[in-house]
Structure formats: structure tokens, C-alpha cells
C-alpha atoms as a PDB file:
ATOM      1  CA  UNK A   1     -12.009 -10.990   3.129  1.00  0.00           C
ATOM      2  CA  UNK A   2      -8.472 -11.311   1.714  1.00  0.00           C
ATOM      3  CA  UNK A   3      -9.329 -10.897  -1.909  1.00  0.00           C
ATOM      4  CA  UNK A   4      -9.486  -7.599  -4.103  1.00  0.00           C
ATOM      5  CA  UNK A   5     -10.962  -7.355  -7.598  1.00  0.00           C
ATOM      6  CA  UNK A   6     -12.707  -8.749  -9.868  1.00  0.00           C
ATOM      7  CA  UNK A   7     -11.354  -9.868 -13.250  1.00  0.00           C
ATOM      8  CA  UNK A   8      -7.689  -9.598 -12.357  1.00  0.00           C
ATOM      9  CA  UNK A   9      -8.185 -10.457  -8.890  1.00  0.00           C
ATOM     10  CA  UNK A  10      -5.663 -10.569  -6.173  1.00  0.00           C
ATOM     11  CA  UNK A  11      -5.410 -12.480  -2.569  1.00  0.00           C
ATOM     12  CA  UNK A  12      -2.683 -12.139   0.115  1.00  0.00           C
ATOM     13  CA  UNK A  13      -1.502 -14.279   2.711  1.00  0.00           C
ATOM     14  CA  UNK A  14       1.225 -15.517   5.004  1.00  0.00           C
ATOM     15  CA  UNK A  15       2.095 -14.229   7.832  1.00  0.00           C
ATOM     16  CA  UNK A  16       4.874 -11.337   9.521  1.00  0.00           C
ATOM     17  CA  UNK A  17       6.381 -14.730  11.668  1.00  0.00           C
ATOM     18  CA  UNK A  18       4.702 -17.434  10.124  1.00  0.00           C
ATOM     19  CA  UNK A  19       6.669 -18.863   7.040  1.00  0.00           C
ATOM     20  CA  UNK A  20       6.491 -16.246   4.693  1.00  0.00           C
ATOM     21  CA  UNK A  21       3.846 -14.024   2.881  1.00  0.00           C
ATOM     22  CA  UNK A  22       2.750 -14.416  -0.615  1.00  0.00           C
ATOM     23  CA  UNK A  23       0.026 -13.599  -2.930  1.00  0.00           C
ATOM     24  CA  UNK A  24      -2.177 -15.579  -5.544  1.00  0.00           C
ATOM     25  CA  UNK A  25      -3.362 -13.661  -8.688  1.00  0.00           C
ATOM     26  CA  UNK A  26      -5.952 -14.938 -10.527  1.00  0.00           C
ATOM     27  CA  UNK A  27      -7.138 -13.118 -14.656  1.00  0.00           C
ATOM     28  CA  UNK A  28      -3.562 -13.003 -14.997  1.00  0.00           C
ATOM     29  CA  UNK A  29      -3.403 -13.039 -19.714  1.00  0.00           C
ATOM     30  CA  UNK A  30      -1.156 -15.502 -20.767  1.00  0.00           C
ATOM     31  CA  UNK A  31       1.931 -14.684 -22.518  1.00  0.00           C
ATOM     32  CA  UNK A  32       3.305 -12.585 -20.673  1.00  0.00           C
ATOM     33  CA  UNK A  33       7.676 -12.443 -20.208  1.00  0.00           C
ATOM     34  CA  UNK A  34       7.704 -12.877 -16.024  1.00  0.00           C
ATOM     35  CA  UNK A  35      10.899 -13.300 -14.317  1.00  0.00           C
ATOM     36  CA  UNK A  36      12.480 -13.106 -10.442  1.00  0.00           C
ATOM     37  CA  UNK A  37      14.122 -10.666 -12.460  1.00  0.00           C
ATOM     38  CA  UNK A  38      11.590  -8.364 -12.670  1.00  0.00           C
ATOM     39  CA  UNK A  39      11.048  -8.171  -9.462  1.00  0.00           C
ATOM     40  CA  UNK A  40      14.547  -6.747  -8.094  1.00  0.00           C
ATOM     41  CA  UNK A  41      13.619  -2.894  -8.631  1.00  0.00           C
ATOM     42  CA  UNK A  42      10.565  -2.527  -7.155  1.00  0.00           C
ATOM     43  CA  UNK A  43      11.586  -4.773  -4.571  1.00  0.00           C
ATOM     44  CA  UNK A  44      14.829  -3.384  -3.581  1.00  0.00           C
ATOM     45  CA  UNK A  45      12.879   0.192  -3.353  1.00  0.00           C
ATOM     46  CA  UNK A  46      10.387  -1.412  -0.366  1.00  0.00           C
ATOM     47  CA  UNK A  47      13.275  -3.020   1.143  1.00  0.00           C
ATOM     48  CA  UNK A  48      14.123  -1.427   4.493  1.00  0.00           C
ATOM     49  CA  UNK A  49      18.130   0.705   5.221  1.00  0.00           C
ATOM     50  CA  UNK A  50      17.687   3.879   4.508  1.00  0.00           C
ATOM     51  CA  UNK A  51      17.647   6.278   7.282  1.00  0.00           C
ATOM     52  CA  UNK A  52      14.289   5.959   9.762  1.00  0.00           C
ATOM     53  CA  UNK A  53      13.311   2.767   8.174  1.00  0.00           C
ATOM     54  CA  UNK A  54      13.794  -0.631  10.089  1.00  0.00           C
ATOM     55  CA  UNK A  55      16.689  -3.029  10.656  1.00  0.00           C
ATOM     56  CA  UNK A  56      14.857  -5.848  10.220  1.00  0.00           C
ATOM     57  CA  UNK A  57      16.219  -7.177   6.859  1.00  0.00           C
ATOM     58  CA  UNK A  58      14.905 -10.220   4.546  1.00  0.00           C
ATOM     59  CA  UNK A  59      16.261 -11.639   0.894  1.00  0.00           C
ATOM     60  CA  UNK A  60      12.376 -11.163  -0.667  1.00  0.00           C
ATOM     61  CA  UNK A  61      13.678 -13.149  -3.115  1.00  0.00           C
ATOM     62  CA  UNK A  62      10.093 -13.756  -4.804  1.00  0.00           C
ATOM     63  CA  UNK A  63       9.540 -17.607  -5.758  1.00  0.00           C
ATOM     64  CA  UNK A  64       6.905 -18.146  -8.738  1.00  0.00           C
ATOM     65  CA  UNK A  65       5.125 -21.312  -8.159  1.00  0.00           C
ATOM     66  CA  UNK A  66       2.625 -21.336 -10.308  1.00  0.00           C
ATOM     67  CA  UNK A  67       1.432 -19.908 -13.127  1.00  0.00           C
ATOM     68  CA  UNK A  68       4.624 -19.451 -14.882  1.00  0.00           C
ATOM     69  CA  UNK A  69       6.424 -21.538 -17.836  1.00  0.00           C
ATOM     70  CA  UNK A  70       9.138 -21.260 -20.415  1.00  0.00           C
ATOM     71  CA  UNK A  71       9.616 -17.205 -18.533  1.00  0.00           C
ATOM     72  CA  UNK A  72       6.110 -16.676 -19.542  1.00  0.00           C
ATOM     73  CA  UNK A  73       2.926 -16.408 -17.965  1.00  0.00           C
ATOM     74  CA  UNK A  74       0.527 -19.252 -18.693  1.00  0.00           C
ATOM     75  CA  UNK A  75      -2.864 -17.819 -17.597  1.00  0.00           C
ATOM     76  CA  UNK A  76      -3.298 -19.749 -14.459  1.00  0.00           C
ATOM     77  CA  UNK A  77      -3.531 -18.777 -11.441  1.00  0.00           C
ATOM     78  CA  UNK A  78      -0.152 -17.106 -10.320  1.00  0.00           C
ATOM     79  CA  UNK A  79       1.336 -18.019  -6.639  1.00  0.00           C
ATOM     80  CA  UNK A  80       4.172 -15.714  -5.517  1.00  0.00           C
ATOM     81  CA  UNK A  81       6.090 -16.729  -2.374  1.00  0.00           C
ATOM     82  CA  UNK A  82       8.505 -14.483   0.259  1.00  0.00           C
ATOM     83  CA  UNK A  83       9.816 -16.800   2.535  1.00  0.00           C
ATOM     84  CA  UNK A  84      10.586 -15.053   6.058  1.00  0.00           C
ATOM     85  CA  UNK A  85      14.376 -15.737   7.440  1.00  0.00           C
ATOM     86  CA  UNK A  86      14.906 -13.095  10.086  1.00  0.00           C
ATOM     87  CA  UNK A  87      12.161 -12.969  12.557  1.00  0.00           C
ATOM     88  CA  UNK A  88      12.503 -12.126  16.059  1.00  0.00           C
ATOM     89  CA  UNK A  89       9.056 -13.653  17.548  1.00  0.00           C
ATOM     90  CA  UNK A  90       9.591 -13.428  21.342  1.00  0.00           C
ATOM     91  CA  UNK A  91       9.741  -9.592  20.621  1.00  0.00           C
ATOM     92  CA  UNK A  92       6.134 -10.041  21.071  1.00  0.00           C
ATOM     93  CA  UNK A  93       5.229 -12.563  23.485  1.00  0.00           C
ATOM     94  CA  UNK A  94       3.810  -9.729  26.199  1.00  0.00           C
ATOM     95  CA  UNK A  95       1.479  -8.306  23.509  1.00  0.00           C
ATOM     96  CA  UNK A  96      -0.691 -11.303  24.515  1.00  0.00           C
ATOM     97  CA  UNK A  97      -1.295  -9.239  27.945  1.00  0.00           C
ATOM     98  CA  UNK A  98      -1.089  -5.853  26.867  1.00  0.00           C
ATOM     99  CA  UNK A  99      -1.915  -4.932  23.345  1.00  0.00           C
ATOM    100  CA  UNK A 100      -0.232  -1.997  21.602  1.00  0.00           C
ATOM    101  CA  UNK A 101      -1.707   1.263  21.524  1.00  0.00           C
ATOM    102  CA  UNK A 102      -1.980   2.338  17.483  1.00  0.00           C
ATOM    103  CA  UNK A 103      -2.087  -1.984  16.693  1.00  0.00           C
ATOM    104  CA  UNK A 104      -4.466  -4.535  15.753  1.00  0.00           C
ATOM    105  CA  UNK A 105      -3.652  -5.929  19.572  1.00  0.00           C
ATOM    106  CA  UNK A 106      -6.770  -5.846  20.917  1.00  0.00           C
ATOM    107  CA  UNK A 107      -9.548  -5.187  18.122  1.00  0.00           C
ATOM    108  CA  UNK A 108      -7.652  -8.841  16.225  1.00  0.00           C
ATOM    109  CA  UNK A 109      -8.006 -10.779  19.767  1.00  0.00           C
ATOM    110  CA  UNK A 110     -11.707  -9.597  19.936  1.00  0.00           C
ATOM    111  CA  UNK A 111     -12.405 -10.641  15.682  1.00  0.00           C
ATOM    112  CA  UNK A 112     -10.823 -13.683  15.705  1.00  0.00           C
ATOM    113  CA  UNK A 113     -11.693 -15.087  19.912  1.00  0.00           C
ATOM    114  CA  UNK A 114      -8.257 -14.869  20.416  1.00  0.00           C
ATOM    115  CA  UNK A 115      -6.213 -17.451  17.664  1.00  0.00           C
ATOM    116  CA  UNK A 116      -4.870 -15.039  15.481  1.00  0.00           C
ATOM    117  CA  UNK A 117      -1.443 -14.426  15.372  1.00  0.00           C
ATOM    118  CA  UNK A 118       0.029 -11.709  17.531  1.00  0.00           C
ATOM    119  CA  UNK A 119       3.235 -11.655  16.056  1.00  0.00           C
ATOM    120  CA  UNK A 120       5.209  -9.413  14.419  1.00  0.00           C
ATOM    121  CA  UNK A 121       1.319  -8.409  14.040  1.00  0.00           C
ATOM    122  CA  UNK A 122       0.747 -11.133  12.252  1.00  0.00           C
ATOM    123  CA  UNK A 123      -1.620 -11.018   8.836  1.00  0.00           C
ATOM    124  CA  UNK A 124      -1.668  -7.431   9.342  1.00  0.00           C
ATOM    125  CA  UNK A 125       1.376  -6.698   9.143  1.00  0.00           C
ATOM    126  CA  UNK A 126       3.027  -4.117   7.010  1.00  0.00           C
ATOM    127  CA  UNK A 127       5.539  -6.929   5.473  1.00  0.00           C
ATOM    128  CA  UNK A 128       2.305  -8.156   3.718  1.00  0.00           C
ATOM    129  CA  UNK A 129       3.200  -5.611   1.390  1.00  0.00           C
ATOM    130  CA  UNK A 130       5.432  -7.019  -0.233  1.00  0.00           C
ATOM    131  CA  UNK A 131       3.034  -8.814  -1.379  1.00  0.00           C
ATOM    132  CA  UNK A 132       1.375  -5.737  -3.232  1.00  0.00           C
ATOM    133  CA  UNK A 133       4.345  -4.828  -4.747  1.00  0.00           C
ATOM    134  CA  UNK A 134       4.518  -8.427  -5.808  1.00  0.00           C
ATOM    135  CA  UNK A 135       0.985  -7.944  -7.487  1.00  0.00           C
ATOM    136  CA  UNK A 136       1.410  -4.202  -8.945  1.00  0.00           C
ATOM    137  CA  UNK A 137       4.782  -5.909 -10.927  1.00  0.00           C
ATOM    138  CA  UNK A 138       2.460  -8.266 -13.074  1.00  0.00           C
ATOM    139  CA  UNK A 139       0.043  -5.070 -12.665  1.00  0.00           C
ATOM    140  CA  UNK A 140       2.356  -2.785 -14.383  1.00  0.00           C
ATOM    141  CA  UNK A 141       3.283  -5.383 -17.036  1.00  0.00           C
ATOM    142  CA  UNK A 142      -0.458  -5.701 -17.833  1.00  0.00           C
ATOM    143  CA  UNK A 143      -1.044  -1.567 -18.336  1.00  0.00           C
ATOM    144  CA  UNK A 144       1.603  -0.890 -21.485  1.00  0.00           C
ATOM    145  CA  UNK A 145       1.903   2.332 -22.133  1.00  0.00           C
ATOM    146  CA  UNK A 146       0.458   3.508 -18.387  1.00  0.00           C
ATOM    147  CA  UNK A 147       3.393   5.504 -16.284  1.00  0.00           C
ATOM    148  CA  UNK A 148       2.647   5.429 -13.020  1.00  0.00           C
ATOM    149  CA  UNK A 149       5.285   7.298  -9.911  1.00  0.00           C
ATOM    150  CA  UNK A 150       4.897   7.754  -6.828  1.00  0.00           C
ATOM    151  CA  UNK A 151       6.570  11.082  -4.433  1.00  0.00           C
ATOM    152  CA  UNK A 152       6.814  11.759  -0.511  1.00  0.00           C
ATOM    153  CA  UNK A 153       5.268  15.790  -0.395  1.00  0.00           C
ATOM    154  CA  UNK A 154       6.263  15.644   3.751  1.00  0.00           C
ATOM    155  CA  UNK A 155       7.392  14.157   6.363  1.00  0.00           C
ATOM    156  CA  UNK A 156       5.938  15.357  10.031  1.00  0.00           C
ATOM    157  CA  UNK A 157       4.851  17.875   7.744  1.00  0.00           C
ATOM    158  CA  UNK A 158       8.135  19.074   6.252  1.00  0.00           C
ATOM    159  CA  UNK A 159       8.886  18.578   2.639  1.00  0.00           C
ATOM    160  CA  UNK A 160      12.421  18.390   2.893  1.00  0.00           C
ATOM    161  CA  UNK A 161      12.597  14.696   4.452  1.00  0.00           C
ATOM    162  CA  UNK A 162      15.906  14.626   6.318  1.00  0.00           C
ATOM    163  CA  UNK A 163      13.931  17.367   8.584  1.00  0.00           C
ATOM    164  CA  UNK A 164      10.942  15.876   9.276  1.00  0.00           C
ATOM    165  CA  UNK A 165      13.009  12.933  10.844  1.00  0.00           C
ATOM    166  CA  UNK A 166      15.672  14.561  12.506  1.00  0.00           C
ATOM    167  CA  UNK A 167      12.340  15.820  14.778  1.00  0.00           C
ATOM    168  CA  UNK A 168      11.445  12.445  15.442  1.00  0.00           C
ATOM    169  CA  UNK A 169      14.467  11.371  15.733  1.00  0.00           C
ATOM    170  CA  UNK A 170      14.938  14.350  18.925  1.00  0.00           C
ATOM    171  CA  UNK A 171      11.739  13.753  20.279  1.00  0.00           C
ATOM    172  CA  UNK A 172      12.081   9.897  20.072  1.00  0.00           C
ATOM    173  CA  UNK A 173       9.452   9.218  18.288  1.00  0.00           C
ATOM    174  CA  UNK A 174       8.119   8.218  14.884  1.00  0.00           C
ATOM    175  CA  UNK A 175       6.331  10.275  12.015  1.00  0.00           C
ATOM    176  CA  UNK A 176       4.342  10.358   9.500  1.00  0.00           C
ATOM    177  CA  UNK A 177       3.938  11.513   5.945  1.00  0.00           C
ATOM    178  CA  UNK A 178       2.217  12.333   2.918  1.00  0.00           C
ATOM    179  CA  UNK A 179       3.051  10.432  -0.270  1.00  0.00           C
ATOM    180  CA  UNK A 180       1.649  11.699  -3.734  1.00  0.00           C
ATOM    181  CA  UNK A 181       0.534   8.754  -6.785  1.00  0.00           C
ATOM    182  CA  UNK A 182       0.554   9.855 -10.576  1.00  0.00           C
ATOM    183  CA  UNK A 183      -0.870   8.106 -13.352  1.00  0.00           C
ATOM    184  CA  UNK A 184       0.225   9.221 -16.717  1.00  0.00           C
ATOM    185  CA  UNK A 185      -1.760   7.115 -19.958  1.00  0.00           C
ATOM    186  CA  UNK A 186      -4.851   6.136 -18.605  1.00  0.00           C
ATOM    187  CA  UNK A 187      -7.542   5.870 -21.475  1.00  0.00           C
ATOM    188  CA  UNK A 188     -10.453   7.611 -21.302  1.00  0.00           C
ATOM    189  CA  UNK A 189     -13.461   6.106 -20.190  1.00  0.00           C
ATOM    190  CA  UNK A 190     -12.252   3.539 -17.379  1.00  0.00           C
ATOM    191  CA  UNK A 191     -14.632   3.104 -14.603  1.00  0.00           C
ATOM    192  CA  UNK A 192     -17.641   2.795 -13.135  1.00  0.00           C
ATOM    193  CA  UNK A 193     -20.328   5.576 -11.504  1.00  0.00           C
ATOM    194  CA  UNK A 194     -20.999   4.754  -8.224  1.00  0.00           C
ATOM    195  CA  UNK A 195     -20.167   1.490  -6.312  1.00  0.00           C
ATOM    196  CA  UNK A 196     -16.827   1.127  -8.688  1.00  0.00           C
ATOM    197  CA  UNK A 197     -15.393   4.400  -9.498  1.00  0.00           C
ATOM    198  CA  UNK A 198     -12.004   4.686  -9.652  1.00  0.00           C
ATOM    199  CA  UNK A 199     -11.882   6.645  -6.620  1.00  0.00           C
ATOM    200  CA  UNK A 200     -13.558   4.374  -5.082  1.00  0.00           C
ATOM    201  CA  UNK A 201     -11.552   1.097  -6.446  1.00  0.00           C
ATOM    202  CA  UNK A 202      -8.538   3.317  -5.689  1.00  0.00           C
ATOM    203  CA  UNK A 203      -9.056   4.071  -2.154  1.00  0.00           C
ATOM    204  CA  UNK A 204     -10.303   0.603  -1.665  1.00  0.00           C
ATOM    205  CA  UNK A 205      -7.194  -0.378  -2.573  1.00  0.00           C
ATOM    206  CA  UNK A 206      -4.857   2.331  -0.764  1.00  0.00           C
ATOM    207  CA  UNK A 207      -6.392   0.920   2.380  1.00  0.00           C
ATOM    208  CA  UNK A 208      -5.335  -2.354   2.155  1.00  0.00           C
ATOM    209  CA  UNK A 209      -1.392  -0.305   3.039  1.00  0.00           C
ATOM    210  CA  UNK A 210      -0.864  -0.548   6.718  1.00  0.00           C
ATOM    211  CA  UNK A 211      -0.854   3.340   7.908  1.00  0.00           C
ATOM    212  CA  UNK A 212      -2.908   4.824   5.257  1.00  0.00           C
ATOM    213  CA  UNK A 213      -5.581   6.847   7.565  1.00  0.00           C
ATOM    214  CA  UNK A 214      -6.692   9.242   4.333  1.00  0.00           C
ATOM    215  CA  UNK A 215      -6.583   9.842   0.415  1.00  0.00           C
ATOM    216  CA  UNK A 216      -7.704  12.694  -1.752  1.00  0.00           C
ATOM    217  CA  UNK A 217      -7.853  12.841  -5.662  1.00  0.00           C
ATOM    218  CA  UNK A 218      -6.725  16.193  -7.717  1.00  0.00           C
ATOM    219  CA  UNK A 219      -7.466  18.964  -5.632  1.00  0.00           C
ATOM    220  CA  UNK A 220      -8.960  17.050  -2.966  1.00  0.00           C
ATOM    221  CA  UNK A 221     -10.144  18.473   0.748  1.00  0.00           C
ATOM    222  CA  UNK A 222      -8.596  22.151  -1.322  1.00  0.00           C
ATOM    223  CA  UNK A 223     -11.783  21.690  -3.177  1.00  0.00           C
ATOM    224  CA  UNK A 224     -13.793  22.710  -0.216  1.00  0.00           C
ATOM    225  CA  UNK A 225     -12.568  26.008  -0.134  1.00  0.00           C
ATOM    226  CA  UNK A 226     -12.811  26.963  -3.927  1.00  0.00           C
ATOM    227  CA  UNK A 227     -15.035  28.206  -6.375  1.00  0.00           C
ATOM    228  CA  UNK A 228     -17.096  25.952  -8.723  1.00  0.00           C
ATOM    229  CA  UNK A 229     -15.880  27.888 -11.761  1.00  0.00           C
ATOM    230  CA  UNK A 230     -12.603  27.804 -10.394  1.00  0.00           C
ATOM    231  CA  UNK A 231     -12.719  24.011  -9.825  1.00  0.00           C
ATOM    232  CA  UNK A 232     -13.965  23.155 -13.014  1.00  0.00           C
ATOM    233  CA  UNK A 233     -11.495  21.930 -15.696  1.00  0.00           C
ATOM    234  CA  UNK A 234     -12.346  23.502 -18.772  1.00  0.00           C
ATOM    235  CA  UNK A 235     -12.030  21.164 -22.181  1.00  0.00           C
ATOM    236  CA  UNK A 236      -8.799  22.684 -24.594  1.00  0.00           C
ATOM    237  CA  UNK A 237      -9.377  19.966 -27.009  1.00  0.00           C
ATOM    238  CA  UNK A 238     -11.162  16.965 -28.599  1.00  0.00           C
ATOM    239  CA  UNK A 239      -9.337  14.520 -26.724  1.00  0.00           C
ATOM    240  CA  UNK A 240     -10.011  15.366 -23.464  1.00  0.00           C
ATOM    241  CA  UNK A 241      -7.284  17.166 -22.725  1.00  0.00           C
ATOM    242  CA  UNK A 242      -7.957  20.011 -19.591  1.00  0.00           C
ATOM    243  CA  UNK A 243      -6.788  23.463 -19.155  1.00  0.00           C
ATOM    244  CA  UNK A 244      -6.363  22.504 -15.259  1.00  0.00           C
ATOM    245  CA  UNK A 245      -6.789  19.262 -13.800  1.00  0.00           C
ATOM    246  CA  UNK A 246      -8.464  19.679 -10.421  1.00  0.00           C
ATOM    247  CA  UNK A 247     -10.535  16.494 -10.519  1.00  0.00           C
ATOM    248  CA  UNK A 248      -7.015  14.655 -10.923  1.00  0.00           C
ATOM    249  CA  UNK A 249      -8.462  13.087 -14.010  1.00  0.00           C
ATOM    250  CA  UNK A 250     -11.110  11.406 -12.438  1.00  0.00           C
ATOM    251  CA  UNK A 251     -14.876  12.630 -13.444  1.00  0.00           C
ATOM    252  CA  UNK A 252     -18.206  11.108 -12.714  1.00  0.00           C
ATOM    253  CA  UNK A 253     -15.731   7.763 -11.252  1.00  0.00           C
ATOM    254  CA  UNK A 254     -14.279   7.798 -14.904  1.00  0.00           C
ATOM    255  CA  UNK A 255     -11.386   8.667 -16.399  1.00  0.00           C
ATOM    256  CA  UNK A 256     -10.902  11.618 -18.939  1.00  0.00           C
ATOM    257  CA  UNK A 257      -7.456  10.652 -20.250  1.00  0.00           C
ATOM    258  CA  UNK A 258      -5.546  13.340 -18.298  1.00  0.00           C
ATOM    259  CA  UNK A 259      -2.845  12.749 -15.677  1.00  0.00           C
ATOM    260  CA  UNK A 260      -4.259  10.554 -12.379  1.00  0.00           C
ATOM    261  CA  UNK A 261      -3.053  12.457  -9.261  1.00  0.00           C
ATOM    262  CA  UNK A 262      -4.009  11.112  -5.678  1.00  0.00           C
ATOM    263  CA  UNK A 263      -2.253  11.228  -2.056  1.00  0.00           C
ATOM    264  CA  UNK A 264      -2.693   9.371   1.387  1.00  0.00           C
ATOM    265  CA  UNK A 265      -1.830  10.353   4.589  1.00  0.00           C
ATOM    266  CA  UNK A 266       0.600   7.586   6.653  1.00  0.00           C
ATOM    267  CA  UNK A 267      -0.055   7.908  10.252  1.00  0.00           C
ATOM    268  CA  UNK A 268       3.240   7.822  12.242  1.00  0.00           C
ATOM    269  CA  UNK A 269       4.337   4.053  13.527  1.00  0.00           C
ATOM    270  CA  UNK A 270       2.634   3.003  16.709  1.00  0.00           C
ATOM    271  CA  UNK A 271       5.536   0.760  17.394  1.00  0.00           C
ATOM    272  CA  UNK A 272       7.968   3.720  18.957  1.00  0.00           C
ATOM    273  CA  UNK A 273      10.738   4.045  21.175  1.00  0.00           C
ATOM    274  CA  UNK A 274       8.983   6.707  23.638  1.00  0.00           C
ATOM    275  CA  UNK A 275       7.734   4.959  26.106  1.00  0.00           C
ATOM    276  CA  UNK A 276       3.556   4.471  26.338  1.00  0.00           C
ATOM    277  CA  UNK A 277       0.685   3.067  28.481  1.00  0.00           C
ATOM    278  CA  UNK A 278      -1.941   0.694  27.792  1.00  0.00           C
ATOM    279  CA  UNK A 279      -4.371  -1.263  29.799  1.00  0.00           C
ATOM    280  CA  UNK A 280      -2.968  -4.902  30.667  1.00  0.00           C
ATOM    281  CA  UNK A 281      -5.719  -7.900  30.325  1.00  0.00           C
ATOM    282  CA  UNK A 282      -3.676  -9.762  33.870  1.00  0.00           C
ATOM    283  CA  UNK A 283      -3.059  -7.435  35.638  1.00  0.00           C
ATOM    284  CA  UNK A 284      -6.148  -5.196  35.256  1.00  0.00           C
ATOM    285  CA  UNK A 285      -4.233  -1.659  35.256  1.00  0.00           C
ATOM    286  CA  UNK A 286      -3.091   0.795  33.077  1.00  0.00           C
ATOM    287  CA  UNK A 287       0.752   0.571  32.824  1.00  0.00           C
ATOM    288  CA  UNK A 288       3.925   1.793  31.573  1.00  0.00           C
ATOM    289  CA  UNK A 289       5.529  -0.581  28.861  1.00  0.00           C
ATOM    290  CA  UNK A 290       8.324   0.344  26.043  1.00  0.00           C
ATOM    291  CA  UNK A 291       8.040  -1.223  23.018  1.00  0.00           C
ATOM    292  CA  UNK A 292      10.288  -3.931  21.756  1.00  0.00           C
ATOM    293  CA  UNK A 293      11.426  -5.453  18.296  1.00  0.00           C
ATOM    294  CA  UNK A 294      12.496  -3.654  15.203  1.00  0.00           C
ATOM    295  CA  UNK A 295      10.216  -1.522  13.296  1.00  0.00           C
ATOM    296  CA  UNK A 296      10.334   1.708  11.214  1.00  0.00           C
ATOM    297  CA  UNK A 297      10.800   5.210  12.705  1.00  0.00           C
ATOM    298  CA  UNK A 298       8.991   6.505   9.299  1.00  0.00           C
ATOM    299  CA  UNK A 299       6.253   4.124   7.022  1.00  0.00           C
ATOM    300  CA  UNK A 300       6.431   6.953   4.664  1.00  0.00           C
ATOM    301  CA  UNK A 301       9.193   6.529   3.533  1.00  0.00           C
ATOM    302  CA  UNK A 302       8.526   2.729   2.174  1.00  0.00           C
ATOM    303  CA  UNK A 303       5.297   3.429   0.479  1.00  0.00           C
ATOM    304  CA  UNK A 304       5.882   5.329  -2.194  1.00  0.00           C
ATOM    305  CA  UNK A 305       6.548   1.734  -4.295  1.00  0.00           C
ATOM    306  CA  UNK A 306       3.510   0.351  -2.504  1.00  0.00           C
ATOM    307  CA  UNK A 307       1.048   3.181  -3.671  1.00  0.00           C
ATOM    308  CA  UNK A 308       2.284   2.400  -7.073  1.00  0.00           C
ATOM    309  CA  UNK A 309       1.661  -1.376  -7.040  1.00  0.00           C
ATOM    310  CA  UNK A 310      -1.728  -0.900  -5.392  1.00  0.00           C
ATOM    311  CA  UNK A 311      -2.648   2.031  -8.128  1.00  0.00           C
ATOM    312  CA  UNK A 312      -0.924  -0.754 -10.694  1.00  0.00           C
ATOM    313  CA  UNK A 313      -3.179  -3.467  -9.796  1.00  0.00           C
ATOM    314  CA  UNK A 314      -6.779  -1.116  -9.622  1.00  0.00           C
ATOM    315  CA  UNK A 315      -6.211   0.321 -12.776  1.00  0.00           C
ATOM    316  CA  UNK A 316      -5.346  -3.312 -14.839  1.00  0.00           C
ATOM    317  CA  UNK A 317      -8.325  -4.657 -13.121  1.00  0.00           C
ATOM    318  CA  UNK A 318     -10.205  -1.649 -15.232  1.00  0.00           C
ATOM    319  CA  UNK A 319      -8.130  -2.969 -18.046  1.00  0.00           C
ATOM    320  CA  UNK A 320      -9.412  -6.035 -18.269  1.00  0.00           C
ATOM    321  CA  UNK A 321     -12.833  -4.579 -17.689  1.00  0.00           C
ATOM    322  CA  UNK A 322     -12.811  -1.932 -20.394  1.00  0.00           C
ATOM    323  CA  UNK A 323     -11.437  -4.759 -22.764  1.00  0.00           C
ATOM    324  CA  UNK A 324     -14.709  -6.672 -21.457  1.00  0.00           C
ATOM    325  CA  UNK A 325     -17.677  -4.764 -23.077  1.00  0.00           C
END
């Protein structure tokens, strides 16, 4: 389904080349100051324009349709809408007969019996991450005292982003990357054991970001090569501060008051300038094609603010749940 969260509920709607994309938020407390200006910084961080990003440019001016009155949230469902103004749908006519490798084209045909919107990826498009960022802006306002920040650790295996991009340009191909997110100020005791651990909720939300293929917390996969005494985070004091943070701020699915640390692996953009081959449903033959349209050379470049947003969304839900006890 298209809804995430239990008390802070986030529902994504819209398509890449439809009228627009929107997010419906339920559970937003009343009395939070909110205006269009509050969205400007994070929306700008997600926008293309830098080297390696798509040339498609949208104004991305949020319209606060419901749930805000006189500059404050009312407690009613909050609907935020972004109109699409720069689409070139004809670039995607051919994908109905020759699904693109690495894209949702073929599986969407199967799931929705041929009725899915194929233009620009439709409802599956990275275009809809603007909705996640908008939800994150509201969630961050609900998390007073908590700081969330993401950074790109590497692009195409290179710590130097520019070097990684140059490698992809030279090969006329796309490239992936790794993005890390850190959050401080989270109280100890948030999260539930087993099904609704902090890791479970954040991982669930992280995979709503198209192109995310893996996630790890703290030491992550390195933990498999560590000894128990090396991995264990010893307590330093009665506040729960630990000497190390291999657990990434979460033990038994519950926050321990230390810094939350997690990383995601972002795959290379499926749409690449390099010629590829795919099965043609009309000719029943494998044929060479080249992707049309406007695409990011490296999706990871635009992921940091989206990753912060999904973390904020998950944490805002945990804050409301903690208050309910």
C-alpha cells in the first residue's frame, strides 16, 4: 500500500508525468508553525542542477491544501501538493513494448494488468521523493532537539565524488553510491522489540526511496568479522553513553540515547546513456535500445536530504508512540 506509520501516517500520491505528486499526513499535532517558506531549504537540496543530476527542472513549490490555518497546523490531515510542469511523456512511449532493464516497467505491467502509468515510471518514479522530503520537513518540526544529517560517503567506489562522476562520464554509464545518515538527541527507549524496532521502521521507510538496495546500522556488515568483546559498546555512565557505538544507537530494536548511525547503498541509475538490450514484447526478439528522457547520472547525489526525511518520518512516529505510553 501507499501508507507508512501508525500514529504519524504518511501517504504518497501522484505520478511522474501526471498532474503532480502529493503527500497526505495524518497525526500531525495542532499548533506547529508551518508555511511554504519552511520547505524551501530541503526542497532545494533535492533539486537537480549539480553535475551528474537530471536536466529536468520543476518549480516544486509546495501547495498546502489542507490542515493549515493562519500559519499553524490544525491537527486535521495535512495535504501537500507539487504540480508537474516540465514533462516530456513522448520519451516513454516505447517502454510499453520494450521494458527497460532495471526499471519497474515489466513488473508494473504484471501487477496492474497493463493499466499502470508508464510515463517516467509513473507512481514508482523518483519524482515522488519530493513528497518524502515534504513529509520530512513536517516530521523534523515535530522532533525538537533532534538533529538529523546525511552525507555522501562514496560515489562509484570513490570517496571523491568528482572522481567517481568522471569515471562514469568516461564510461558513458551511470553510477551508484553510499549515503550515511546520523541523528543525535534521540532519547533512550524509543522503538519496539521484534517487528517494530527502530531498525525495522527506518529500513521500511528507506526502501521507499527508489534505487536503495541495502541498509546497515552502526558497524553493519563489519560486525560479522568482529569479536564479541570488540563489537560490544560498554556503558560509560548512568545516562547510557557508550565508549564505542558499533550498535549505531540501537540495542534490541530500542534507542539507547547514543547517536543513530545508518548507511544505505544506492544502485546505479537504471537509465543510462550506454546502449542496452531488452526483450521486445511486440517482435518477440531481444533488441538493442538506448534510453531516452532526462535522468540522473548518479541518483545518490540527491539522496541525502531524502534519507534525512525518511529517518525523521520514522522517528516522529516513534515520538508519538512513546508519548502514548
